[in-house]
Amino acid sequence: MSELLTHGEQELRDAAAMAVELAARHGVSARASASNDGFAKIEMQAGEVQTAERSGSQSLSLTVYRSGQRGSASAATFDRDAIERVVTEAVLIADHVQPDADAGMAPPEWLAFEGPQPHMFAHGRRDTETLMASAGQLDQAAIAVATASKGALRVGQSVAIGSEGIWALATSDGFCRSSRTSNDGRWCVMLAQDESGSTSDYWQSQERSPETLLQPEEIARRAAERVLSARGARSVRSSRHPVLFDARTSATLVGELAGTLTGTTQYRRMSFLVEPMGRAICASHIDLTEDPFEPLGLASGGFDSEGIAGTTRSIISGGICDGLFLSAFSARKLGMAPTGNADGFFNLRFTSAVDGGDWQAMLQRLGTGLVVTALEGGSTDPASGNWTHAVRGLWVEGGAIVHAVTDVTLGGSMPAMLNGIVAVGSGVERQGAIRTGPILIDEMQIGGSA
C-alpha cells in the first residue's frame, strides 16, 4: 500500500460498482466514480522548514439519469450506508430537474470497456522524510547560487511535493475500470533587489516520476537567470511591434486557443471561432496534436469521466481545424460524436512547419520588439477574441536584449494573433498538458509611456 493512499484500486472499483447497482434498484441508469488522493509538501527557506503538509481525501460521486432528468450527489466514505444515502439523494434531485433530451449516459458502443491504459504511475518515495531531503537539496542549491551572485540574489522558497491518486469509474452498462497516477514537483523562487525595488521569479519541474525531475542545481540556476533578467525593469513607449512569447507564456496562449474549441463554448456559441471545423484558424504552418496515451504524460488517460477513450489525433493541421474537444453532452448538442474530452483536453503539442530555431535565433527573428515573460492580469474575451493583458518582459533591439520591461499592457485579438504567428521556437517546455516552444507574433499593440 502507498504511504499516501488509504485504499486500493479494487476497493474503489467495488464502491463505484455498488453505487451503480443500488441506483438500478430505483429504476435509473447511473455513472459512479470513486477516488482516493494523497499529497505531501515541504517548503524550505534559507535552511528552515516553512511548511510541512500532508493530506488525503476520498470521495464517491454518483450521477443518475431517467427520462432526460439528471441528479448528482456525493459522499466522503465508501461504506454501504453512505452509498445508499448518495443514491437516494441523487434520485431525489433528478426528480426535481427539468428534463433535457441531450442529458443522458453515453451509449455502450462509445465506452472504452477495453483499450490502452497509459502508464501514469511511477514508483518512488513520497514520504515526508524523502521530500524533506529533496527540499533541503534544492534549498542548498539556491543558497549556492545566491552566494555566487555576490549579493544580487536572495533565496526564496524551495518546495518539494509528491502526490498519488486512484480513480475508478463504473456505469450501468457494465463498464468498470480504474487508473492510478503519481505526480512529483520541485520549484524554487529567487529574489533580486535593485534601485527600482524587489522582484521575484521561479522555475519548476513537474513529472510523474521523481527520477525524471530536473536536478536541484538546474532548477535554482534557471530561477536565478529569470529573476536576474528582470532587474532594472522599466516601461517603453507605446507602439506596434513584433512580440515574442516565451515558452511559459506561450502555453497560456495555446490553452486559450484550445479553450475556444471545447464543446461547451461551441454549442453555446461563446467562441470567437464559431463552427471552426474545416476552416483556417491559424497561420498555415501551425499544427496542434492531442495524445491521451503518452507514457507518464501529465494529462494522459485511457478514458474520461464518462468512460469514453480519447484518440491520438490532429486538432489543427496546417492551420486548419480538424477536431474539437467534446463530451457526450456537448457532442449531442452539436450533432457530433464525443471525443473523450469530458474533463478537458489530453496532452497537447503545438508545433510549426517553420523552423524557428533556438532562443537566440528567435530573438534575431524578433529583431526589435517585446519578449513576454509573464502575464500579470487582464483578460481574453472568448466570444470576441479581444486580448488585453498587463505583462512583464524584455525589450529587444537588433536581436539583442536591451533591458527588462514592466508597467506595459499588450493588446490584440486572438484571430489576428493566431494568423500572425511567424514561428515557434525549438526550446519546447511543458506546462501541464501543453507542450510548446516560444511563439513569435508579427505585430501587437504595446501600451506603455506616452
Protein backbone atom coordinates (compact mmCIF):
# COMPACT_ATOMS: atom_id res chain seq x y z
CA MET A 1 0.00 0.00 0.00
CA SER A 2 1.17 3.50 -0.79
CA GLU A 3 2.32 5.75 2.06
CA LEU A 4 -0.05 8.44 0.76
CA LEU A 5 -3.14 6.37 -0.03
CA THR A 6 -5.58 4.50 2.20
CA HIS A 7 -7.44 2.42 -0.41
CA GLY A 8 -6.58 0.15 -3.33
CA GLU A 9 -7.89 0.06 -6.88
CA GLN A 10 -10.14 -2.96 -6.33
CA GLU A 11 -11.74 -1.34 -3.30
CA LEU A 12 -12.58 1.78 -5.30
CA ARG A 13 -13.94 -0.23 -8.23
CA ASP A 14 -16.16 -2.15 -5.81
CA ALA A 15 -17.50 1.08 -4.27
CA ALA A 16 -18.32 2.60 -7.66
CA ALA A 17 -19.95 -0.63 -8.86
CA MET A 18 -22.04 -0.82 -5.67
CA ALA A 19 -23.37 2.70 -6.23
CA VAL A 20 -24.43 1.83 -9.77
CA GLU A 21 -26.05 -1.42 -8.62
CA LEU A 22 -28.05 0.30 -5.87
CA ALA A 23 -29.13 3.03 -8.30
CA ALA A 24 -30.51 0.40 -10.70
CA ARG A 25 -32.94 -0.68 -7.97
CA HIS A 26 -34.52 2.78 -8.24
CA GLY A 27 -35.07 2.33 -11.97
CA VAL A 28 -32.37 4.77 -13.08
CA SER A 29 -29.19 4.44 -15.12
CA ALA A 30 -26.10 5.71 -13.38
CA ARG A 31 -22.43 6.54 -13.52
CA ALA A 32 -20.30 6.48 -10.36
CA SER A 33 -16.71 7.37 -9.63
CA ALA A 34 -14.63 6.74 -6.52
CA SER A 35 -11.31 8.42 -5.82
CA ASN A 36 -8.56 8.42 -3.21
CA ASP A 37 -5.79 11.03 -3.28
CA GLY A 38 -2.77 11.68 -1.09
CA PHE A 39 -0.50 14.72 -1.05
CA ALA A 40 2.67 15.78 0.76
CA LYS A 41 4.56 19.07 0.60
CA ILE A 42 7.69 20.51 2.19
CA GLU A 43 8.65 24.17 1.83
CA MET A 44 12.04 25.44 2.99
CA GLN A 45 13.75 28.82 3.02
CA ALA A 46 17.36 29.52 3.95
CA GLY A 47 17.72 26.20 5.76
CA GLU A 48 14.48 26.47 7.73
CA VAL A 49 11.31 24.46 7.17
CA GLN A 50 8.45 26.88 6.47
CA THR A 51 5.67 24.40 5.71
CA ALA A 52 5.27 20.68 6.22
CA GLU A 53 1.96 19.41 4.94
CA ARG A 54 0.40 16.03 4.41
CA SER A 55 -3.21 15.49 3.43
CA GLY A 56 -5.53 12.97 1.88
CA SER A 57 -9.04 12.75 0.57
CA GLN A 58 -11.52 10.21 -0.66
CA SER A 59 -14.86 10.67 -2.32
CA LEU A 60 -17.61 8.90 -4.21
CA SER A 61 -19.70 10.76 -6.79
CA LEU A 62 -22.85 9.47 -8.46
CA THR A 63 -24.92 10.83 -11.35
CA VAL A 64 -28.25 9.22 -12.19
CA TYR A 65 -30.37 9.60 -15.33
CA ARG A 66 -34.03 8.97 -16.01
CA SER A 67 -36.08 10.28 -18.96
CA GLY A 68 -33.78 13.22 -19.58
CA GLN A 69 -33.61 14.14 -15.91
CA ARG A 70 -30.27 14.13 -14.15
CA GLY A 71 -29.25 14.26 -10.50
CA SER A 72 -25.89 14.10 -8.74
CA ALA A 73 -24.73 13.56 -5.16
CA SER A 74 -21.50 12.64 -3.39
CA ALA A 75 -20.09 11.22 -0.16
CA ALA A 76 -16.71 11.17 1.57
CA THR A 77 -16.80 7.50 2.57
CA PHE A 78 -17.29 4.18 0.80
CA ASP A 79 -19.42 2.26 3.30
CA ARG A 80 -22.76 0.89 2.14
CA ASP A 81 -24.88 3.23 4.28
CA ALA A 82 -23.14 6.28 2.81
CA ILE A 83 -23.55 4.97 -0.73
CA GLU A 84 -27.25 4.27 -0.17
CA ARG A 85 -27.72 7.85 1.02
CA VAL A 86 -25.94 9.15 -2.08
CA VAL A 87 -28.23 7.11 -4.34
CA THR A 88 -31.35 8.37 -2.57
CA GLU A 89 -30.21 12.00 -2.79
CA ALA A 90 -29.26 11.77 -6.46
CA VAL A 91 -32.59 10.21 -7.42
CA LEU A 92 -34.48 12.84 -5.41
CA ILE A 93 -32.58 15.65 -7.16
CA ALA A 94 -33.26 14.13 -10.59
CA ASP A 95 -36.99 14.04 -9.84
CA HIS A 96 -36.98 17.85 -9.47
CA VAL A 97 -34.87 18.71 -12.53
CA GLN A 98 -36.30 19.79 -15.86
CA PRO A 99 -35.63 17.12 -18.49
CA ASP A 100 -33.08 17.69 -21.24
CA ALA A 101 -33.13 15.32 -24.20
CA ASP A 102 -29.36 15.62 -24.56
CA ALA A 103 -28.65 14.70 -20.93
CA GLY A 104 -28.01 11.01 -20.63
CA MET A 105 -25.49 8.25 -20.35
CA ALA A 106 -23.01 7.70 -23.12
CA PRO A 107 -24.25 4.68 -25.12
CA PRO A 108 -22.27 1.48 -24.54
CA GLU A 109 -20.79 1.47 -28.04
CA TRP A 110 -18.88 4.62 -27.08
CA LEU A 111 -17.39 3.20 -23.88
CA ALA A 112 -13.80 2.02 -23.53
CA PHE A 113 -14.51 -1.39 -21.97
CA GLU A 114 -11.08 -2.37 -23.21
CA GLY A 115 -8.24 -0.46 -24.74
CA PRO A 116 -4.89 1.04 -23.87
CA GLN A 117 -4.34 2.41 -20.39
CA PRO A 118 -1.35 4.76 -20.49
CA HIS A 119 1.33 4.45 -17.85
CA MET A 120 0.54 7.26 -15.36
CA PHE A 121 2.10 5.97 -12.14
CA ALA A 122 5.76 5.74 -11.25
CA HIS A 123 7.02 4.18 -8.05
CA GLY A 124 9.04 6.47 -5.86
CA ARG A 125 9.35 7.54 -2.25
CA ARG A 126 7.00 10.41 -1.45
CA ASP A 127 7.11 10.27 2.34
CA THR A 128 7.81 13.36 4.43
CA GLU A 129 11.41 12.36 5.12
CA THR A 130 12.23 11.97 1.43
CA LEU A 131 10.55 15.24 0.47
CA MET A 132 12.34 16.99 3.34
CA ALA A 133 15.66 15.85 1.92
CA SER A 134 14.68 16.92 -1.61
CA ALA A 135 13.56 20.36 -0.47
CA GLY A 136 16.80 20.69 1.51
CA GLN A 137 18.92 19.84 -1.53
CA LEU A 138 17.06 22.42 -3.62
CA ASP A 139 17.41 25.00 -0.85
CA GLN A 140 21.15 24.39 -0.64
CA ALA A 141 21.47 24.71 -4.41
CA ALA A 142 19.60 28.04 -4.25
CA ILE A 143 21.85 29.26 -1.44
CA ALA A 144 24.93 28.39 -3.50
CA VAL A 145 23.59 30.33 -6.49
CA ALA A 146 22.71 33.32 -4.30
CA THR A 147 26.16 33.28 -2.69
CA ALA A 148 27.87 33.22 -6.08
CA SER A 149 25.83 36.26 -7.14
CA LYS A 150 27.66 38.40 -4.54
CA GLY A 151 24.54 39.92 -3.10
CA ALA A 152 22.50 40.25 -6.29
CA LEU A 153 20.15 37.43 -5.27
CA ARG A 154 18.28 36.25 -2.22
CA VAL A 155 16.77 32.82 -1.65
CA GLY A 156 13.01 32.49 -1.70
CA GLN A 157 11.14 29.25 -1.22
CA SER A 158 12.32 25.78 -2.19
CA VAL A 159 9.45 23.35 -2.46
CA ALA A 160 9.12 19.59 -2.91
CA ILE A 161 5.75 17.92 -3.43
CA GLY A 162 4.57 14.40 -4.08
CA SER A 163 1.10 13.08 -4.74
CA GLU A 164 -0.60 9.85 -5.70
CA GLY A 165 -4.15 9.06 -6.68
CA ILE A 166 -6.51 6.27 -7.65
CA TRP A 167 -9.71 6.81 -9.59
CA ALA A 168 -12.35 4.23 -10.51
CA LEU A 169 -15.38 4.57 -12.78
CA ALA A 170 -18.44 2.31 -13.13
CA THR A 171 -21.59 2.65 -15.25
CA SER A 172 -24.92 0.89 -15.62
CA ASP A 173 -23.67 -0.70 -18.85
CA GLY A 174 -21.11 -2.80 -17.00
CA PHE A 175 -18.14 -0.53 -17.51
CA CYS A 176 -15.78 -0.67 -14.51
CA ARG A 177 -12.17 0.45 -14.82
CA SER A 178 -9.66 2.30 -12.70
CA SER A 179 -6.39 4.16 -13.03
CA ARG A 180 -3.54 5.10 -10.73
CA THR A 181 -1.47 8.27 -11.01
CA SER A 182 1.53 9.92 -9.41
CA ASN A 183 2.89 13.42 -9.56
CA ASP A 184 6.14 14.91 -8.34
CA GLY A 185 7.17 18.54 -8.35
CA ARG A 186 10.03 20.77 -7.33
CA TRP A 187 10.21 24.52 -7.62
CA CYS A 188 12.46 27.30 -6.49
CA VAL A 189 11.74 31.01 -6.01
CA MET A 190 14.60 33.52 -6.18
CA LEU A 191 14.51 37.23 -5.33
CA ALA A 192 16.52 40.21 -6.54
CA GLN A 193 16.74 43.82 -5.41
CA ASP A 194 17.78 46.92 -7.34
CA GLU A 195 17.10 50.66 -7.34
CA SER A 196 13.58 50.11 -8.72
CA GLY A 197 12.59 47.68 -5.96
CA SER A 198 12.43 43.95 -5.47
CA THR A 199 11.35 41.30 -7.92
CA SER A 200 11.00 37.55 -7.86
CA ASP A 201 10.68 34.68 -10.28
CA TYR A 202 10.74 30.90 -10.18
CA TRP A 203 11.50 27.72 -12.04
CA GLN A 204 9.72 24.43 -11.62
CA SER A 205 9.99 20.83 -12.68
CA GLN A 206 6.93 18.58 -12.68
CA GLU A 207 6.85 14.92 -13.69
CA ARG A 208 5.07 11.67 -12.93
CA SER A 209 8.32 10.24 -11.58
CA PRO A 210 10.84 11.78 -9.18
CA GLU A 211 13.60 10.14 -11.23
CA THR A 212 12.96 12.39 -14.24
CA LEU A 213 12.81 15.74 -12.40
CA LEU A 214 15.45 18.37 -13.15
CA GLN A 215 18.41 18.36 -10.79
CA PRO A 216 18.24 20.89 -7.91
CA GLU A 217 21.20 22.88 -9.28
CA GLU A 218 19.49 23.27 -12.66
CA ILE A 219 16.19 24.42 -11.12
CA ALA A 220 17.98 27.01 -8.96
CA ARG A 221 20.11 28.20 -11.87
CA ARG A 222 17.13 28.74 -14.16
CA ALA A 223 15.17 30.55 -11.42
CA ALA A 224 18.18 32.83 -10.89
CA GLU A 225 18.53 33.56 -14.59
CA ARG A 226 14.89 34.61 -14.84
CA VAL A 227 14.95 36.94 -11.87
CA LEU A 228 18.30 38.50 -12.81
CA SER A 229 17.00 39.25 -16.30
CA ALA A 230 14.06 41.12 -14.73
CA ARG A 231 16.20 43.65 -12.83
CA GLY A 232 16.12 47.28 -13.85
CA ALA A 233 12.71 46.91 -15.50
CA ARG A 234 11.08 50.00 -16.93
CA SER A 235 8.30 50.91 -19.30
CA VAL A 236 8.61 51.51 -23.03
CA ARG A 237 6.86 53.92 -25.35
CA SER A 238 3.51 52.91 -26.79
CA SER A 239 4.00 51.36 -30.21
CA ARG A 240 3.20 48.46 -32.51
CA HIS A 241 5.97 45.87 -32.71
CA PRO A 242 6.53 42.13 -33.07
CA VAL A 243 6.05 40.19 -29.84
CA LEU A 244 7.81 37.01 -28.74
CA PHE A 245 6.09 35.00 -26.01
CA ASP A 246 8.50 32.76 -24.11
CA ALA A 247 7.56 29.09 -23.78
CA ARG A 248 5.84 29.56 -20.41
CA THR A 249 3.55 32.35 -21.58
CA SER A 250 3.08 30.66 -24.96
CA ALA A 251 1.45 27.75 -23.14
CA THR A 252 -1.21 30.17 -21.90
CA LEU A 253 -1.96 31.22 -25.48
CA VAL A 254 -2.25 27.60 -26.60
CA GLY A 255 -4.56 26.88 -23.66
CA GLU A 256 -6.78 29.80 -24.66
CA LEU A 257 -6.91 28.51 -28.22
CA ALA A 258 -7.84 25.02 -27.04
CA GLY A 259 -10.50 26.50 -24.76
CA THR A 260 -12.31 28.00 -27.76
CA LEU A 261 -12.53 24.53 -29.30
CA THR A 262 -14.36 22.85 -26.40
CA GLY A 263 -17.87 21.59 -26.92
CA THR A 264 -19.34 23.87 -24.27
CA THR A 265 -18.05 27.09 -25.86
CA GLN A 266 -19.07 25.83 -29.29
CA TYR A 267 -22.67 24.84 -28.61
CA ARG A 268 -23.22 27.98 -26.54
CA ARG A 269 -21.61 29.97 -29.38
CA MET A 270 -19.38 31.74 -26.88
CA SER A 271 -16.26 31.32 -29.01
CA PHE A 272 -14.72 33.73 -31.50
CA LEU A 273 -14.16 30.58 -33.56
CA VAL A 274 -17.76 29.64 -34.32
CA GLU A 275 -18.14 26.44 -36.37
CA PRO A 276 -14.37 26.13 -36.90
CA MET A 277 -14.25 22.61 -38.35
CA GLY A 278 -12.53 22.60 -41.73
CA ARG A 279 -11.71 26.31 -41.51
CA ALA A 280 -8.31 28.01 -41.39
CA ILE A 281 -7.99 29.36 -37.83
CA CYS A 282 -4.20 29.78 -37.51
CA ALA A 283 -1.21 30.55 -39.67
CA SER A 284 -0.85 27.89 -42.35
CA HIS A 285 2.30 26.38 -40.82
CA ILE A 286 0.73 25.61 -37.39
CA ASP A 287 -0.19 22.14 -36.10
CA LEU A 288 -1.82 21.13 -32.80
CA THR A 289 -1.98 17.45 -31.84
CA GLU A 290 -3.51 15.59 -28.90
CA ASP A 291 -2.14 12.38 -27.37
CA PRO A 292 -4.04 10.73 -24.48
CA PHE A 293 -1.65 7.78 -24.35
CA GLU A 294 1.74 9.41 -23.81
CA PRO A 295 3.58 7.33 -21.17
CA LEU A 296 3.79 9.32 -17.93
CA GLY A 297 2.20 12.33 -19.63
CA LEU A 298 0.80 14.86 -17.18
CA ALA A 299 -2.54 14.85 -19.00
CA SER A 300 -2.70 11.22 -20.15
CA GLY A 301 -5.71 8.97 -19.66
CA GLY A 302 -7.24 5.79 -21.02
CA PHE A 303 -10.77 7.24 -20.78
CA ASP A 304 -12.60 10.28 -19.49
CA SER A 305 -15.13 10.59 -16.64
CA GLU A 306 -17.87 9.24 -18.94
CA GLY A 307 -15.84 6.14 -19.82
CA ILE A 308 -15.04 7.30 -23.35
CA ALA A 309 -11.50 6.98 -24.69
CA GLY A 310 -9.71 9.76 -26.49
CA THR A 311 -7.57 9.19 -29.57
CA THR A 312 -4.20 10.37 -30.75
CA ARG A 313 -5.29 12.89 -33.35
CA SER A 314 -4.79 16.19 -35.11
CA ILE A 315 -6.69 19.19 -33.74
CA ILE A 316 -5.16 21.72 -36.14
CA SER A 317 -3.23 20.75 -39.26
CA GLY A 318 -1.64 23.35 -41.48
CA GLY A 319 -3.69 25.99 -39.71
CA ILE A 320 -6.99 24.21 -40.43
CA CYS A 321 -9.22 22.95 -37.59
CA ASP A 322 -9.56 19.16 -37.64
CA GLY A 323 -11.14 18.49 -34.26
CA LEU A 324 -12.98 19.73 -31.18
CA PHE A 325 -12.90 18.62 -27.53
CA LEU A 326 -16.32 17.05 -26.90
CA SER A 327 -18.13 15.32 -24.05
CA ALA A 328 -21.17 13.15 -24.73
CA PHE A 329 -23.48 16.04 -23.78
CA SER A 330 -21.78 18.69 -25.92
CA ALA A 331 -21.46 16.22 -28.80
CA ARG A 332 -25.22 15.67 -28.76
CA LYS A 333 -25.79 19.42 -28.71
CA LEU A 334 -23.62 19.78 -31.81
CA GLY A 335 -24.80 16.64 -33.59
CA MET A 336 -21.32 15.15 -33.46
CA ALA A 337 -19.55 12.18 -31.85
CA PRO A 338 -17.81 12.59 -28.47
CA THR A 339 -14.03 12.69 -28.36
CA GLY A 340 -13.37 11.52 -24.78
CA ASN A 341 -12.77 15.06 -23.53
CA ALA A 342 -15.41 15.35 -20.82
CA ASP A 343 -12.65 16.51 -18.43
CA GLY A 344 -10.79 18.75 -20.86
CA PHE A 345 -8.02 18.06 -23.31
CA PHE A 346 -5.29 15.44 -23.01
CA ASN A 347 -1.60 16.13 -23.78
CA LEU A 348 -1.30 18.82 -26.45
CA ARG A 349 1.70 19.64 -28.63
CA PHE A 350 1.81 22.95 -30.53
CA THR A 351 4.28 22.97 -33.42
CA SER A 352 5.15 24.77 -36.64
CA ALA A 353 6.43 23.64 -40.01
CA VAL A 354 8.65 26.72 -39.90
CA ASP A 355 11.98 26.01 -38.18
CA GLY A 356 12.08 28.77 -35.58
CA GLY A 357 15.45 27.73 -34.17
CA ASP A 358 16.72 28.15 -30.62
CA TRP A 359 16.17 31.10 -28.29
CA GLN A 360 18.88 33.24 -29.85
CA ALA A 361 17.51 32.54 -33.32
CA MET A 362 14.04 33.59 -32.15
CA LEU A 363 15.44 36.84 -30.76
CA GLN A 364 17.02 37.51 -34.15
CA ARG A 365 13.69 36.83 -35.84
CA LEU A 366 12.04 39.25 -33.41
CA GLY A 367 14.53 41.98 -34.33
CA THR A 368 13.13 44.93 -32.41
CA GLY A 369 10.16 44.30 -30.16
CA LEU A 370 8.90 42.83 -26.90
CA VAL A 371 9.61 39.49 -25.24
CA VAL A 372 6.80 38.48 -22.84
CA THR A 373 7.96 36.51 -19.81
CA ALA A 374 4.92 36.92 -17.52
CA LEU A 375 1.24 37.79 -17.77
CA GLU A 376 0.16 39.95 -14.85
CA GLY A 377 -3.56 40.34 -15.16
CA GLY A 378 -6.02 41.25 -17.86
CA SER A 379 -8.43 39.15 -19.82
CA THR A 380 -9.25 37.35 -23.01
CA ASP A 381 -12.85 37.62 -24.18
CA PRO A 382 -13.68 34.14 -25.53
CA ALA A 383 -16.63 35.45 -27.54
CA SER A 384 -14.94 38.35 -29.34
CA GLY A 385 -11.32 37.22 -29.09
CA ASN A 386 -10.21 40.58 -27.70
CA TRP A 387 -6.94 40.03 -25.81
CA THR A 388 -5.57 42.57 -23.31
CA HIS A 389 -3.04 41.81 -20.56
CA ALA A 390 -0.54 43.58 -18.38
CA VAL A 391 2.82 41.93 -18.98
CA ARG A 392 6.43 41.80 -17.86
CA GLY A 393 9.23 41.03 -20.21
CA LEU A 394 12.31 42.19 -22.09
CA TRP A 395 12.87 44.87 -24.73
CA VAL A 396 14.92 43.72 -27.70
CA GLU A 397 16.63 45.78 -30.39
CA GLY A 398 18.51 44.28 -33.31
CA GLY A 399 18.04 40.80 -31.82
CA ALA A 400 19.76 41.75 -28.53
CA ILE A 401 18.12 42.22 -25.14
CA VAL A 402 18.37 45.87 -24.07
CA HIS A 403 16.52 46.00 -20.73
CA ALA A 404 13.71 44.44 -18.71
CA VAL A 405 10.18 45.75 -19.20
CA THR A 406 7.34 46.37 -16.75
CA ASP A 407 4.26 48.61 -16.49
CA VAL A 408 3.07 47.89 -20.02
CA THR A 409 -0.08 46.41 -21.46
CA LEU A 410 -0.28 44.29 -24.56
CA GLY A 411 -3.36 44.23 -26.76
CA GLY A 412 -4.62 42.39 -29.78
CA SER A 413 -7.25 39.98 -31.00
CA MET A 414 -6.89 36.22 -30.88
CA PRO A 415 -7.79 35.73 -34.58
CA ALA A 416 -5.11 38.21 -35.64
CA MET A 417 -2.60 36.77 -33.19
CA LEU A 418 -3.16 33.18 -34.34
CA ASN A 419 -2.90 34.11 -38.00
CA GLY A 420 0.07 36.36 -37.27
CA ILE A 421 2.27 33.60 -35.82
CA VAL A 422 5.62 33.86 -37.58
CA ALA A 423 7.42 30.90 -35.98
CA VAL A 424 7.55 28.57 -32.99
CA GLY A 425 10.95 28.10 -31.36
CA SER A 426 12.68 24.81 -30.70
CA GLY A 427 13.01 25.46 -26.95
CA VAL A 428 9.96 23.39 -26.08
CA GLU A 429 8.73 23.31 -22.48
CA ARG A 430 5.81 21.51 -20.88
CA GLN A 431 3.32 23.38 -18.74
CA GLY A 432 0.81 20.82 -17.51
CA ALA A 433 -0.99 19.38 -20.54
CA ILE A 434 0.66 21.71 -23.06
CA ARG A 435 4.00 21.48 -24.85
CA THR A 436 5.14 24.41 -26.96
CA GLY A 437 8.19 26.45 -27.76
CA PRO A 438 8.33 30.26 -27.80
CA ILE A 439 5.74 31.81 -30.15
CA LEU A 440 6.60 34.85 -32.29
CA ILE A 441 3.68 37.04 -33.45
CA ASP A 442 4.16 39.55 -36.24
CA GLU A 443 2.69 42.63 -34.52
CA MET A 444 0.72 43.68 -31.44
CA GLN A 445 -0.16 46.93 -29.71
CA ILE A 446 2.16 47.76 -26.82
CA GLY A 447 0.74 50.24 -24.36
CA GLY A 448 3.45 51.97 -22.34
CA SER A 449 4.51 55.53 -21.68
CA ALA A 450 3.30 58.33 -23.93
